[in-house]
Amino acid sequence: MNGTELGKMLIVLGLGAILIGLVIMALSKFVSLGHLPGDIFIKGENGSFYFPIVSCIVVSVVLSIIMNLFNR
């Protein structure tokens, strides 16, 4: 891979990251990922623990569907 191909690939990845960020910002008004029923949140005296298990599963399923559509 020469420098030109690497540069083009980095530009495409950067634009893809920007696009994903914009989509997440737009969808955050409608869907509250990270605060779905089933996400684990434990608050104690000295700190708190938060693990968004259901949000991780939802993101994984959506990304799997998108990747399957693009790989066909």
N, C-alpha and C. Protein backbone atom coordinates (compact mmCIF):
# COMPACT_ATOMS: atom_id res chain seq x y z
N MET A 1 0.86 -1.17 0.00
CA MET A 1 0.00 0.00 0.00
C MET A 1 0.91 1.23 0.00
N ASN A 2 0.73 2.08 -0.98
CA ASN A 2 1.56 3.27 -1.03
C ASN A 2 0.89 4.41 -0.25
N GLY A 3 1.57 5.54 -0.19
CA GLY A 3 1.08 6.67 0.59
C GLY A 3 -0.23 7.24 0.10
N THR A 4 -0.45 7.23 -1.20
CA THR A 4 -1.68 7.78 -1.76
C THR A 4 -2.89 6.95 -1.33
N GLU A 5 -2.76 5.64 -1.42
CA GLU A 5 -3.88 4.77 -1.03
C GLU A 5 -4.16 4.89 0.46
N LEU A 6 -3.10 4.95 1.26
CA LEU A 6 -3.27 5.09 2.70
C LEU A 6 -3.96 6.41 3.04
N GLY A 7 -3.56 7.48 2.37
CA GLY A 7 -4.19 8.78 2.60
C GLY A 7 -5.66 8.77 2.25
N LYS A 8 -6.00 8.17 1.12
CA LYS A 8 -7.42 8.09 0.72
C LYS A 8 -8.22 7.27 1.72
N MET A 9 -7.64 6.17 2.19
CA MET A 9 -8.33 5.33 3.16
C MET A 9 -8.57 6.09 4.46
N LEU A 10 -7.60 6.84 4.92
CA LEU A 10 -7.76 7.61 6.16
C LEU A 10 -8.81 8.71 6.00
N ILE A 11 -8.87 9.33 4.83
CA ILE A 11 -9.90 10.35 4.58
C ILE A 11 -11.28 9.71 4.62
N VAL A 12 -11.44 8.56 3.97
CA VAL A 12 -12.74 7.88 3.96
C VAL A 12 -13.13 7.46 5.38
N LEU A 13 -12.19 6.93 6.15
CA LEU A 13 -12.50 6.54 7.53
C LEU A 13 -12.88 7.75 8.38
N GLY A 14 -12.18 8.86 8.17
CA GLY A 14 -12.51 10.08 8.91
C GLY A 14 -13.89 10.60 8.57
N LEU A 15 -14.21 10.62 7.29
CA LEU A 15 -15.55 11.07 6.88
C LEU A 15 -16.63 10.13 7.40
N GLY A 16 -16.32 8.83 7.42
CA GLY A 16 -17.27 7.86 7.97
C GLY A 16 -17.50 8.10 9.45
N ALA A 17 -16.43 8.40 10.20
CA ALA A 17 -16.56 8.68 11.63
C ALA A 17 -17.38 9.94 11.86
N ILE A 18 -17.18 10.96 11.03
CA ILE A 18 -17.97 12.19 11.15
C ILE A 18 -19.44 11.91 10.87
N LEU A 19 -19.71 11.12 9.84
CA LEU A 19 -21.09 10.78 9.48
C LEU A 19 -21.76 10.00 10.60
N ILE A 20 -21.06 9.04 11.17
CA ILE A 20 -21.62 8.27 12.28
C ILE A 20 -21.89 9.17 13.48
N GLY A 21 -20.99 10.09 13.75
CA GLY A 21 -21.18 11.03 14.85
C GLY A 21 -22.40 11.91 14.65
N LEU A 22 -22.60 12.39 13.42
CA LEU A 22 -23.77 13.21 13.14
C LEU A 22 -25.06 12.42 13.29
N VAL A 23 -25.06 11.17 12.84
CA VAL A 23 -26.25 10.32 12.98
C VAL A 23 -26.55 10.08 14.45
N ILE A 24 -25.53 9.82 15.24
CA ILE A 24 -25.74 9.59 16.68
C ILE A 24 -26.29 10.84 17.35
N MET A 25 -25.75 12.01 16.98
CA MET A 25 -26.25 13.25 17.55
C MET A 25 -27.71 13.49 17.18
N ALA A 26 -28.08 13.18 15.92
CA ALA A 26 -29.46 13.38 15.48
C ALA A 26 -30.40 12.40 16.17
N LEU A 27 -29.98 11.16 16.30
CA LEU A 27 -30.85 10.14 16.91
C LEU A 27 -30.95 10.28 18.42
N SER A 28 -29.99 10.96 19.05
CA SER A 28 -30.03 11.08 20.51
C SER A 28 -31.23 11.87 20.99
N LYS A 29 -31.85 12.65 20.10
CA LYS A 29 -33.06 13.38 20.47
C LYS A 29 -34.26 12.45 20.59
N PHE A 30 -34.21 11.32 19.89
CA PHE A 30 -35.35 10.40 19.85
C PHE A 30 -35.11 9.14 20.68
N VAL A 31 -33.90 8.60 20.63
CA VAL A 31 -33.57 7.36 21.32
C VAL A 31 -32.49 7.65 22.35
N SER A 32 -32.71 7.23 23.56
CA SER A 32 -31.76 7.49 24.63
C SER A 32 -30.91 6.26 24.90
N LEU A 33 -29.94 6.01 24.00
CA LEU A 33 -29.04 4.88 24.24
C LEU A 33 -28.24 5.13 25.50
N GLY A 34 -28.05 4.10 26.28
CA GLY A 34 -27.35 4.25 27.53
C GLY A 34 -28.29 4.36 28.71
N HIS A 35 -29.56 4.56 28.43
CA HIS A 35 -30.55 4.65 29.50
C HIS A 35 -31.76 3.77 29.19
N LEU A 36 -31.51 2.62 28.57
CA LEU A 36 -32.58 1.70 28.24
C LEU A 36 -32.90 0.82 29.44
N PRO A 37 -34.12 0.29 29.51
CA PRO A 37 -34.43 -0.66 30.57
C PRO A 37 -33.52 -1.88 30.45
N GLY A 38 -32.93 -2.30 31.52
CA GLY A 38 -32.01 -3.43 31.51
C GLY A 38 -30.57 -3.01 31.64
N ASP A 39 -30.26 -1.74 31.43
CA ASP A 39 -28.91 -1.25 31.66
C ASP A 39 -28.65 -1.25 33.17
N ILE A 40 -27.45 -1.64 33.54
CA ILE A 40 -27.12 -1.82 34.95
C ILE A 40 -26.52 -0.53 35.50
N PHE A 41 -27.10 -0.02 36.58
CA PHE A 41 -26.58 1.15 37.27
C PHE A 41 -26.66 0.91 38.76
N ILE A 42 -25.51 0.91 39.42
CA ILE A 42 -25.45 0.69 40.86
C ILE A 42 -24.75 1.89 41.48
N LYS A 43 -25.43 2.54 42.42
CA LYS A 43 -24.86 3.71 43.08
C LYS A 43 -24.63 3.38 44.54
N GLY A 44 -23.40 3.57 44.98
CA GLY A 44 -23.05 3.32 46.37
C GLY A 44 -22.59 4.59 47.04
N GLU A 45 -22.10 4.45 48.28
CA GLU A 45 -21.65 5.62 49.03
C GLU A 45 -20.38 6.22 48.42
N ASN A 46 -19.49 5.35 47.98
CA ASN A 46 -18.17 5.81 47.53
C ASN A 46 -18.02 5.88 46.02
N GLY A 47 -19.05 5.59 45.30
CA GLY A 47 -18.94 5.64 43.85
C GLY A 47 -20.13 4.99 43.19
N SER A 48 -20.02 4.86 41.89
CA SER A 48 -21.11 4.23 41.15
C SER A 48 -20.54 3.36 40.04
N PHE A 49 -21.36 2.42 39.57
CA PHE A 49 -20.99 1.51 38.51
C PHE A 49 -22.11 1.52 37.49
N TYR A 50 -21.74 1.69 36.23
CA TYR A 50 -22.74 1.75 35.17
C TYR A 50 -22.27 0.88 34.02
N PHE A 51 -23.12 -0.06 33.59
CA PHE A 51 -22.81 -0.90 32.43
C PHE A 51 -24.05 -0.99 31.56
N PRO A 52 -24.01 -0.36 30.37
CA PRO A 52 -25.19 -0.35 29.50
C PRO A 52 -25.31 -1.62 28.67
N ILE A 53 -25.63 -2.74 29.29
CA ILE A 53 -25.64 -4.04 28.62
C ILE A 53 -26.68 -4.09 27.50
N VAL A 54 -27.88 -3.59 27.75
CA VAL A 54 -28.93 -3.64 26.72
C VAL A 54 -28.59 -2.70 25.57
N SER A 55 -28.03 -1.54 25.88
CA SER A 55 -27.62 -0.61 24.82
C SER A 55 -26.52 -1.24 23.95
N CYS A 56 -25.59 -1.96 24.56
CA CYS A 56 -24.54 -2.64 23.80
C CYS A 56 -25.13 -3.69 22.87
N ILE A 57 -26.12 -4.42 23.36
CA ILE A 57 -26.76 -5.46 22.53
C ILE A 57 -27.49 -4.82 21.36
N VAL A 58 -28.20 -3.72 21.60
CA VAL A 58 -28.94 -3.04 20.53
C VAL A 58 -27.97 -2.53 19.47
N VAL A 59 -26.89 -1.89 19.88
CA VAL A 59 -25.90 -1.38 18.93
C VAL A 59 -25.28 -2.53 18.14
N SER A 60 -24.99 -3.63 18.81
CA SER A 60 -24.39 -4.79 18.14
C SER A 60 -25.33 -5.37 17.08
N VAL A 61 -26.60 -5.49 17.40
CA VAL A 61 -27.56 -6.04 16.44
C VAL A 61 -27.71 -5.11 15.24
N VAL A 62 -27.82 -3.82 15.49
CA VAL A 62 -27.98 -2.85 14.39
C VAL A 62 -26.74 -2.87 13.50
N LEU A 63 -25.54 -2.85 14.08
CA LEU A 63 -24.32 -2.89 13.28
C LEU A 63 -24.19 -4.20 12.51
N SER A 64 -24.61 -5.31 13.09
CA SER A 64 -24.57 -6.59 12.39
C SER A 64 -25.48 -6.58 11.17
N ILE A 65 -26.68 -6.01 11.33
CA ILE A 65 -27.60 -5.92 10.20
C ILE A 65 -27.02 -5.03 9.10
N ILE A 66 -26.47 -3.89 9.48
CA ILE A 66 -25.88 -2.98 8.49
C ILE A 66 -24.71 -3.64 7.77
N MET A 67 -23.84 -4.32 8.50
CA MET A 67 -22.68 -4.97 7.87
C MET A 67 -23.13 -6.09 6.93
N ASN A 68 -24.17 -6.83 7.31
CA ASN A 68 -24.68 -7.88 6.43
C ASN A 68 -25.27 -7.32 5.14
N LEU A 69 -25.90 -6.16 5.23
CA LEU A 69 -26.46 -5.54 4.04
C LEU A 69 -25.36 -5.06 3.09
N PHE A 70 -24.27 -4.54 3.62
CA PHE A 70 -23.17 -4.05 2.79
C PHE A 70 -22.30 -5.16 2.23
N ASN A 71 -22.27 -6.32 2.89
CA ASN A 71 -21.42 -7.42 2.43
C ASN A 71 -22.09 -8.26 1.36
N ARG A 72 -23.31 -8.00 1.01
CA ARG A 72 -24.01 -8.79 0.00
C ARG A 72 -23.78 -8.24 -1.37
